[in-house]
PDB file of N, CA and C in Angstrom:
ATOM      1  N   MET A   1     200.975 166.301  31.673  1.00  0.00           N
ATOM      2  CA  MET A   1     199.788 166.120  32.486  1.00  0.00           C
ATOM      3  C   MET A   1     199.200 164.807  32.151  1.00  0.00           C
ATOM      4  N   ALA A   2     198.691 164.134  33.227  1.00  0.00           N
ATOM      5  CA  ALA A   2     198.110 162.782  33.018  1.00  0.00           C
ATOM      6  C   ALA A   2     196.822 162.838  32.291  1.00  0.00           C
ATOM      7  N   GLU A   3     196.562 161.795  31.476  1.00  0.00           N
ATOM      8  CA  GLU A   3     195.340 161.681  30.757  1.00  0.00           C
ATOM      9  C   GLU A   3     194.247 161.309  31.706  1.00  0.00           C
ATOM     10  N   VAL A   4     193.087 161.963  31.585  1.00  0.00           N
ATOM     11  CA  VAL A   4     191.931 161.700  32.369  1.00  0.00           C
ATOM     12  C   VAL A   4     191.225 160.416  31.795  1.00  0.00           C
ATOM     13  N   LYS A   5     190.925 159.473  32.749  1.00  0.00           N
ATOM     14  CA  LYS A   5     190.309 158.304  32.335  1.00  0.00           C
ATOM     15  C   LYS A   5     188.808 158.462  32.068  1.00  0.00           C
ATOM     16  N   SER A   6     188.266 157.782  31.082  1.00  0.00           N
ATOM     17  CA  SER A   6     186.840 157.850  30.839  1.00  0.00           C
ATOM     18  C   SER A   6     186.084 157.106  31.915  1.00  0.00           C
ATOM     19  N   ASP A   7     184.763 157.375  31.989  1.00  0.00           N
ATOM     20  CA  ASP A   7     183.949 156.737  33.068  1.00  0.00           C
ATOM     21  C   ASP A   7     184.072 155.204  32.975  1.00  0.00           C
ATOM     22  N   ILE A   8     184.002 154.648  31.787  1.00  0.00           N
ATOM     23  CA  ILE A   8     183.984 153.177  31.585  1.00  0.00           C
ATOM     24  C   ILE A   8     185.384 152.697  32.058  1.00  0.00           C
ATOM     25  N   GLU A   9     186.465 153.375  31.824  1.00  0.00           N
ATOM     26  CA  GLU A   9     187.783 152.961  32.264  1.00  0.00           C
ATOM     27  C   GLU A   9     187.853 152.873  33.820  1.00  0.00           C
ATOM     28  N   ILE A  10     187.291 153.933  34.365  1.00  0.00           N
ATOM     29  CA  ILE A  10     187.213 153.977  35.864  1.00  0.00           C
ATOM     30  C   ILE A  10     186.420 152.774  36.419  1.00  0.00           C
ATOM     31  N   ALA A  11     185.232 152.613  35.806  1.00  0.00           N
ATOM     32  CA  ALA A  11     184.371 151.508  36.287  1.00  0.00           C
ATOM     33  C   ALA A  11     185.019 150.183  36.114  1.00  0.00           C
ATOM     34  N   ARG A  12     185.690 149.889  34.982  1.00  0.00           N
ATOM     35  CA  ARG A  12     186.301 148.553  34.807  1.00  0.00           C
ATOM     36  C   ARG A  12     187.563 148.391  35.657  1.00  0.00           C
ATOM     37  N   GLY A  13     188.124 149.501  36.131  1.00  0.00           N
ATOM     38  CA  GLY A  13     189.218 149.294  36.982  1.00  0.00           C
ATOM     39  C   GLY A  13     188.955 149.214  38.463  1.00  0.00           C
ATOM     40  N   ALA A  14     187.686 149.405  38.816  1.00  0.00           N
ATOM     41  CA  ALA A  14     187.232 149.392  40.232  1.00  0.00           C
ATOM     42  C   ALA A  14     187.137 147.927  40.589  1.00  0.00           C
ATOM     43  N   ARG A  15     187.370 147.740  41.981  1.00  0.00           N
ATOM     44  CA  ARG A  15     187.118 146.424  42.555  1.00  0.00           C
ATOM     45  C   ARG A  15     186.005 146.534  43.577  1.00  0.00           C
ATOM     46  N   LYS A  16     185.017 145.709  43.339  1.00  0.00           N
ATOM     47  CA  LYS A  16     183.844 145.722  44.306  1.00  0.00           C
ATOM     48  C   LYS A  16     184.339 144.953  45.598  1.00  0.00           C
ATOM     49  N   LYS A  17     183.876 145.505  46.686  1.00  0.00           N
ATOM     50  CA  LYS A  17     184.169 144.733  47.969  1.00  0.00           C
ATOM     51  C   LYS A  17     183.052 143.795  48.211  1.00  0.00           C
ATOM     52  N   GLN A  18     183.321 142.661  48.824  1.00  0.00           N
ATOM     53  CA  GLN A  18     182.266 141.745  49.064  1.00  0.00           C
ATOM     54  C   GLN A  18     181.514 142.212  50.302  1.00  0.00           C
ATOM     55  N   ILE A  19     180.206 141.945  50.288  1.00  0.00           N
ATOM     56  CA  ILE A  19     179.289 142.460  51.310  1.00  0.00           C
ATOM     57  C   ILE A  19     179.711 142.077  52.692  1.00  0.00           C
ATOM     58  N   GLN A  20     180.335 140.936  52.935  1.00  0.00           N
ATOM     59  CA  GLN A  20     180.773 140.576  54.301  1.00  0.00           C
ATOM     60  C   GLN A  20     181.878 141.488  54.764  1.00  0.00           C
ATOM     61  N   GLU A  21     182.768 141.946  53.888  1.00  0.00           N
ATOM     62  CA  GLU A  21     183.837 142.897  54.171  1.00  0.00           C
ATOM     63  C   GLU A  21     183.259 144.199  54.540  1.00  0.00           C
ATOM     64  N   ILE A  22     182.211 144.667  53.856  1.00  0.00           N
ATOM     65  CA  ILE A  22     181.592 145.989  54.165  1.00  0.00           C
ATOM     66  C   ILE A  22     180.883 145.861  55.498  1.00  0.00           C
ATOM     67  N   GLY A  23     180.129 144.766  55.722  1.00  0.00           N
ATOM     68  CA  GLY A  23     179.432 144.495  56.980  1.00  0.00           C
ATOM     69  C   GLY A  23     180.420 144.497  58.134  1.00  0.00           C
ATOM     70  N   GLN A  24     181.482 143.796  57.968  1.00  0.00           N
ATOM     71  CA  GLN A  24     182.456 143.700  59.093  1.00  0.00           C
ATOM     72  C   GLN A  24     182.954 145.110  59.419  1.00  0.00           C
ATOM     73  N   LYS A  25     183.278 145.860  58.431  1.00  0.00           N
ATOM     74  CA  LYS A  25     183.816 147.205  58.659  1.00  0.00           C
ATOM     75  C   LYS A  25     182.937 148.159  59.413  1.00  0.00           C
ATOM     76  N   ILE A  26     181.570 147.929  59.268  1.00  0.00           N
ATOM     77  CA  ILE A  26     180.634 148.834  59.947  1.00  0.00           C
ATOM     78  C   ILE A  26     179.991 148.084  61.173  1.00  0.00           C
ATOM     79  N   GLY A  27     180.488 146.896  61.513  1.00  0.00           N
ATOM     80  CA  GLY A  27     180.087 146.253  62.743  1.00  0.00           C
ATOM     81  C   GLY A  27     178.889 145.356  62.635  1.00  0.00           C
ATOM     82  N   ILE A  28     178.697 144.887  61.460  1.00  0.00           N
ATOM     83  CA  ILE A  28     177.531 143.876  61.209  1.00  0.00           C
ATOM     84  C   ILE A  28     178.146 142.536  61.075  1.00  0.00           C
ATOM     85  N   PRO A  29     177.976 141.611  62.002  1.00  0.00           N
ATOM     86  CA  PRO A  29     178.531 140.239  61.814  1.00  0.00           C
ATOM     87  C   PRO A  29     177.925 139.566  60.628  1.00  0.00           C
ATOM     88  N   SER A  30     178.759 138.715  60.002  1.00  0.00           N
ATOM     89  CA  SER A  30     178.303 138.018  58.768  1.00  0.00           C
ATOM     90  C   SER A  30     177.078 137.126  58.958  1.00  0.00           C
ATOM     91  N   GLU A  31     176.869 136.610  60.157  1.00  0.00           N
ATOM     92  CA  GLU A  31     175.734 135.742  60.369  1.00  0.00           C
ATOM     93  C   GLU A  31     174.437 136.566  60.360  1.00  0.00           C
ATOM     94  N   HIS A  32     174.503 137.936  60.400  1.00  0.00           N
ATOM     95  CA  HIS A  32     173.330 138.725  60.355  1.00  0.00           C
ATOM     96  C   HIS A  32     173.120 139.409  58.986  1.00  0.00           C
ATOM     97  N   LEU A  33     173.937 138.996  57.994  1.00  0.00           N
ATOM     98  CA  LEU A  33     173.810 139.418  56.599  1.00  0.00           C
ATOM     99  C   LEU A  33     173.145 138.359  55.805  1.00  0.00           C
ATOM    100  N   LEU A  34     172.076 138.652  55.101  1.00  0.00           N
ATOM    101  CA  LEU A  34     171.427 137.667  54.240  1.00  0.00           C
ATOM    102  C   LEU A  34     171.810 138.074  52.832  1.00  0.00           C
ATOM    103  N   PRO A  35     172.811 137.440  52.232  1.00  0.00           N
ATOM    104  CA  PRO A  35     173.397 137.849  50.962  1.00  0.00           C
ATOM    105  C   PRO A  35     172.483 137.637  49.790  1.00  0.00           C
ATOM    106  N   TYR A  36     172.523 138.659  48.839  1.00  0.00           N
ATOM    107  CA  TYR A  36     171.891 138.522  47.537  1.00  0.00           C
ATOM    108  C   TYR A  36     173.088 138.713  46.545  1.00  0.00           C
ATOM    109  N   GLY A  37     173.790 137.615  46.271  1.00  0.00           N
ATOM    110  CA  GLY A  37     174.980 137.759  45.452  1.00  0.00           C
ATOM    111  C   GLY A  37     176.151 137.988  46.330  1.00  0.00           C
ATOM    112  N   HIS A  38     177.249 138.624  45.774  1.00  0.00           N
ATOM    113  CA  HIS A  38     178.439 138.847  46.542  1.00  0.00           C
ATOM    114  C   HIS A  38     178.565 140.341  47.020  1.00  0.00           C
ATOM    115  N   ASP A  39     177.652 141.205  46.476  1.00  0.00           N
ATOM    116  CA  ASP A  39     177.887 142.655  46.786  1.00  0.00           C
ATOM    117  C   ASP A  39     176.667 143.290  47.346  1.00  0.00           C
ATOM    118  N   LYS A  40     175.642 142.556  47.746  1.00  0.00           N
ATOM    119  CA  LYS A  40     174.452 143.179  48.408  1.00  0.00           C
ATOM    120  C   LYS A  40     173.811 142.185  49.313  1.00  0.00           C
ATOM    121  N   ALA A  41     173.135 142.753  50.366  1.00  0.00           N
ATOM    122  CA  ALA A  41     172.528 141.895  51.338  1.00  0.00           C
ATOM    123  C   ALA A  41     171.534 142.635  52.179  1.00  0.00           C
ATOM    124  N   LYS A  42     170.606 141.857  52.764  1.00  0.00           N
ATOM    125  CA  LYS A  42     169.704 142.376  53.697  1.00  0.00           C
ATOM    126  C   LYS A  42     170.250 142.086  55.114  1.00  0.00           C
ATOM    127  N   ILE A  43     169.919 142.905  56.092  1.00  0.00           N
ATOM    128  CA  ILE A  43     170.368 142.829  57.418  1.00  0.00           C
ATOM    129  C   ILE A  43     169.222 142.151  58.222  1.00  0.00           C
ATOM    130  N   SER A  44     169.583 141.107  59.034  1.00  0.00           N
ATOM    131  CA  SER A  44     168.575 140.322  59.733  1.00  0.00           C
ATOM    132  C   SER A  44     167.785 141.236  60.751  1.00  0.00           C
ATOM    133  N   ALA A  45     166.486 140.880  60.875  1.00  0.00           N
ATOM    134  CA  ALA A  45     165.678 141.657  61.898  1.00  0.00           C
ATOM    135  C   ALA A  45     166.204 141.514  63.246  1.00  0.00           C
ATOM    136  N   GLU A  46     166.801 140.293  63.486  1.00  0.00           N
ATOM    137  CA  GLU A  46     167.450 140.065  64.862  1.00  0.00           C
ATOM    138  C   GLU A  46     168.501 141.131  65.166  1.00  0.00           C
ATOM    139  N   PHE A  47     169.340 141.442  64.194  1.00  0.00           N
ATOM    140  CA  PHE A  47     170.441 142.382  64.395  1.00  0.00           C
ATOM    141  C   PHE A  47     169.860 143.827  64.580  1.00  0.00           C
ATOM    142  N   ILE A  48     168.815 144.071  63.786  1.00  0.00           N
ATOM    143  CA  ILE A  48     168.221 145.428  63.884  1.00  0.00           C
ATOM    144  C   ILE A  48     167.671 145.612  65.306  1.00  0.00           C
ATOM    145  N   LYS A  49     167.040 144.610  65.806  1.00  0.00           N
ATOM    146  CA  LYS A  49     166.366 144.621  67.188  1.00  0.00           C
ATOM    147  C   LYS A  49     167.533 144.823  68.219  1.00  0.00           C
ATOM    148  N   SER A  50     168.660 144.122  68.004  1.00  0.00           N
ATOM    149  CA  SER A  50     169.759 144.117  68.974  1.00  0.00           C
ATOM    150  C   SER A  50     170.387 145.537  69.121  1.00  0.00           C
ATOM    151  N   VAL A  51     170.327 146.403  68.050  1.00  0.00           N
ATOM    152  CA  VAL A  51     170.897 147.696  68.137  1.00  0.00           C
ATOM    153  C   VAL A  51     169.997 148.849  68.358  1.00  0.00           C
ATOM    154  N   LYS A  52     168.679 148.511  68.516  1.00  0.00           N
ATOM    155  CA  LYS A  52     167.708 149.532  68.785  1.00  0.00           C
ATOM    156  C   LYS A  52     168.052 150.391  69.961  1.00  0.00           C
ATOM    157  N   GLY A  53     168.629 149.806  71.030  1.00  0.00           N
ATOM    158  CA  GLY A  53     168.937 150.571  72.205  1.00  0.00           C
ATOM    159  C   GLY A  53     170.176 151.414  72.087  1.00  0.00           C
ATOM    160  N   ASN A  54     170.911 151.318  71.045  1.00  0.00           N
ATOM    161  CA  ASN A  54     172.151 152.116  70.846  1.00  0.00           C
ATOM    162  C   ASN A  54     171.868 153.585  70.682  1.00  0.00           C
ATOM    163  N   LYS A  55     172.806 154.393  71.042  1.00  0.00           N
ATOM    164  CA  LYS A  55     172.630 155.801  70.804  1.00  0.00           C
ATOM    165  C   LYS A  55     172.439 156.120  69.309  1.00  0.00           C
ATOM    166  N   ASP A  56     171.487 156.990  69.071  1.00  0.00           N
ATOM    167  CA  ASP A  56     171.246 157.375  67.608  1.00  0.00           C
ATOM    168  C   ASP A  56     172.514 157.971  66.953  1.00  0.00           C
ATOM    169  N   GLY A  57     172.645 157.662  65.677  1.00  0.00           N
ATOM    170  CA  GLY A  57     173.750 158.153  64.904  1.00  0.00           C
ATOM    171  C   GLY A  57     173.377 159.448  64.254  1.00  0.00           C
ATOM    172  N   LYS A  58     174.070 159.843  63.192  1.00  0.00           N
ATOM    173  CA  LYS A  58     173.764 161.062  62.509  1.00  0.00           C
ATOM    174  C   LYS A  58     173.125 160.695  61.186  1.00  0.00           C
ATOM    175  N   LEU A  59     172.243 161.523  60.669  1.00  0.00           N
ATOM    176  CA  LEU A  59     171.528 161.314  59.437  1.00  0.00           C
ATOM    177  C   LEU A  59     171.866 162.428  58.460  1.00  0.00           C
ATOM    178  N   ILE A  60     172.246 162.036  57.239  1.00  0.00           N
ATOM    179  CA  ILE A  60     172.494 163.017  56.170  1.00  0.00           C
ATOM    180  C   ILE A  60     171.380 162.754  55.129  1.00  0.00           C
ATOM    181  N   LEU A  61     170.607 163.708  54.819  1.00  0.00           N
ATOM    182  CA  LEU A  61     169.635 163.620  53.774  1.00  0.00           C
ATOM    183  C   LEU A  61     170.212 164.207  52.453  1.00  0.00           C
ATOM    184  N   VAL A  62     170.095 163.495  51.361  1.00  0.00           N
ATOM    185  CA  VAL A  62     170.535 163.960  50.098  1.00  0.00           C
ATOM    186  C   VAL A  62     169.357 164.125  49.167  1.00  0.00           C
ATOM    187  N   THR A  63     169.063 165.400  48.768  1.00  0.00           N
ATOM    188  CA  THR A  63     167.880 165.673  47.907  1.00  0.00           C
ATOM    189  C   THR A  63     168.389 166.346  46.678  1.00  0.00           C
ATOM    190  N   ALA A  64     167.530 166.332  45.687  1.00  0.00           N
ATOM    191  CA  ALA A  64     167.864 166.989  44.427  1.00  0.00           C
ATOM    192  C   ALA A  64     166.581 167.169  43.630  1.00  0.00           C
ATOM    193  N   ILE A  65     166.627 168.090  42.634  1.00  0.00           N
ATOM    194  CA  ILE A  65     165.528 168.207  41.742  1.00  0.00           C
ATOM    195  C   ILE A  65     165.859 167.490  40.473  1.00  0.00           C
ATOM    196  N   ASN A  66     166.919 167.870  39.796  1.00  0.00           N
ATOM    197  CA  ASN A  66     167.295 167.297  38.566  1.00  0.00           C
ATOM    198  C   ASN A  66     168.755 167.002  38.570  1.00  0.00           C
ATOM    199  N   PRO A  67     169.239 165.926  37.922  1.00  0.00           N
ATOM    200  CA  PRO A  67     170.651 165.670  37.796  1.00  0.00           C
ATOM    201  C   PRO A  67     171.247 166.680  36.846  1.00  0.00           C
ATOM    202  N   THR A  68     172.520 166.817  36.933  1.00  0.00           N
ATOM    203  CA  THR A  68     173.309 167.672  36.037  1.00  0.00           C
ATOM    204  C   THR A  68     173.284 167.086  34.614  1.00  0.00           C
ATOM    205  N   PRO A  69     173.659 167.758  33.582  1.00  0.00           N
ATOM    206  CA  PRO A  69     173.767 167.178  32.252  1.00  0.00           C
ATOM    207  C   PRO A  69     174.713 166.008  32.276  1.00  0.00           C
ATOM    208  N   ALA A  70     175.684 165.983  33.162  1.00  0.00           N
ATOM    209  CA  ALA A  70     176.649 164.820  33.217  1.00  0.00           C
ATOM    210  C   ALA A  70     176.021 163.616  33.942  1.00  0.00           C
ATOM    211  N   GLY A  71     174.869 163.830  34.559  1.00  0.00           N
ATOM    212  CA  GLY A  71     174.223 162.717  35.174  1.00  0.00           C
ATOM    213  C   GLY A  71     174.535 162.579  36.647  1.00  0.00           C
ATOM    214  N   GLU A  72     175.107 163.622  37.256  1.00  0.00           N
ATOM    215  CA  GLU A  72     175.380 163.425  38.676  1.00  0.00           C
ATOM    216  C   GLU A  72     174.152 163.768  39.474  1.00  0.00           C
ATOM    217  N   GLY A  73     173.532 162.801  39.993  1.00  0.00           N
ATOM    218  CA  GLY A  73     172.317 163.025  40.774  1.00  0.00           C
ATOM    219  C   GLY A  73     172.463 162.561  42.207  1.00  0.00           C
ATOM    220  N   LYS A  74     171.345 162.169  42.843  1.00  0.00           N
ATOM    221  CA  LYS A  74     171.382 161.780  44.270  1.00  0.00           C
ATOM    222  C   LYS A  74     172.258 160.639  44.539  1.00  0.00           C
ATOM    223  N   THR A  75     172.235 159.501  43.663  1.00  0.00           N
ATOM    224  CA  THR A  75     172.998 158.343  43.897  1.00  0.00           C
ATOM    225  C   THR A  75     174.515 158.672  43.786  1.00  0.00           C
ATOM    226  N   THR A  76     174.877 159.354  42.805  1.00  0.00           N
ATOM    227  CA  THR A  76     176.322 159.670  42.672  1.00  0.00           C
ATOM    228  C   THR A  76     176.803 160.571  43.829  1.00  0.00           C
ATOM    229  N   THR A  77     175.987 161.456  44.193  1.00  0.00           N
ATOM    230  CA  THR A  77     176.358 162.364  45.370  1.00  0.00           C
ATOM    231  C   THR A  77     176.434 161.532  46.666  1.00  0.00           C
ATOM    232  N   THR A  78     175.482 160.638  46.896  1.00  0.00           N
ATOM    233  CA  THR A  78     175.486 159.825  48.073  1.00  0.00           C
ATOM    234  C   THR A  78     176.668 158.863  48.075  1.00  0.00           C
ATOM    235  N   VAL A  79     177.042 158.253  47.019  1.00  0.00           N
ATOM    236  CA  VAL A  79     178.236 157.463  46.970  1.00  0.00           C
ATOM    237  C   VAL A  79     179.432 158.209  47.215  1.00  0.00           C
ATOM    238  N   GLY A  80     179.606 159.356  46.651  1.00  0.00           N
ATOM    239  CA  GLY A  80     180.706 160.178  46.854  1.00  0.00           C
ATOM    240  C   GLY A  80     180.839 160.642  48.322  1.00  0.00           C
ATOM    241  N   LEU A  81     179.733 161.025  48.892  1.00  0.00           N
ATOM    242  CA  LEU A  81     179.692 161.400  50.297  1.00  0.00           C
ATOM    243  C   LEU A  81     180.125 160.279  51.140  1.00  0.00           C
ATOM    244  N   GLY A  82     179.635 159.034  50.943  1.00  0.00           N
ATOM    245  CA  GLY A  82     179.936 157.821  51.739  1.00  0.00           C
ATOM    246  C   GLY A  82     181.469 157.530  51.579  1.00  0.00           C
ATOM    247  N   ASP A  83     181.980 157.673  50.396  1.00  0.00           N
ATOM    248  CA  ASP A  83     183.335 157.442  50.165  1.00  0.00           C
ATOM    249  C   ASP A  83     184.260 158.454  50.914  1.00  0.00           C
ATOM    250  N   GLY A  84     183.803 159.713  50.869  1.00  0.00           N
ATOM    251  CA  GLY A  84     184.578 160.724  51.552  1.00  0.00           C
ATOM    252  C   GLY A  84     184.572 160.570  53.069  1.00  0.00           C
ATOM    253  N   LEU A  85     183.338 160.285  53.597  1.00  0.00           N
ATOM    254  CA  LEU A  85     183.188 160.011  55.090  1.00  0.00           C
ATOM    255  C   LEU A  85     184.148 158.834  55.554  1.00  0.00           C
ATOM    256  N   ASN A  86     184.069 157.787  54.652  1.00  0.00           N
ATOM    257  CA  ASN A  86     184.851 156.633  54.968  1.00  0.00           C
ATOM    258  C   ASN A  86     186.373 156.905  54.949  1.00  0.00           C
ATOM    259  N   ARG A  87     186.777 157.786  54.005  1.00  0.00           N
ATOM    260  CA  ARG A  87     188.186 158.207  53.858  1.00  0.00           C
ATOM    261  C   ARG A  87     188.674 158.838  55.176  1.00  0.00           C
ATOM    262  N   ILE A  88     187.751 159.649  55.769  1.00  0.00           N
ATOM    263  CA  ILE A  88     188.272 160.337  56.929  1.00  0.00           C
ATOM    264  C   ILE A  88     187.885 159.600  58.255  1.00  0.00           C
ATOM    265  N   GLY A  89     187.551 158.287  58.045  1.00  0.00           N
ATOM    266  CA  GLY A  89     187.336 157.493  59.221  1.00  0.00           C
ATOM    267  C   GLY A  89     185.972 157.524  59.848  1.00  0.00           C
ATOM    268  N   LYS A  90     184.944 158.104  59.237  1.00  0.00           N
ATOM    269  CA  LYS A  90     183.525 158.118  59.799  1.00  0.00           C
ATOM    270  C   LYS A  90     182.784 156.989  59.244  1.00  0.00           C
ATOM    271  N   LYS A  91     181.852 156.472  60.107  1.00  0.00           N
ATOM    272  CA  LYS A  91     180.989 155.446  59.643  1.00  0.00           C
ATOM    273  C   LYS A  91     179.636 155.991  59.191  1.00  0.00           C
TER     274      LYS A  91
END
């Protein structure tokens, strides 16, 4: 049976995607991303205004009272949910 990696081993082995790559994947042109480093950005107000007329998407609310003893709270759940939806081709 394969050895289970520790959290730090998983984190060190992960590759962050650049924000332009993520923006492109979800349909936000790079000229509408205002980068803060390589992995986060604000979206321009101009782009937000340009998509206001689009059909509404779906909203998933993630709520919790307390994280588990292992620390799985709202952020971990949201990241996992986003990864899972991305895996099946949903935006």
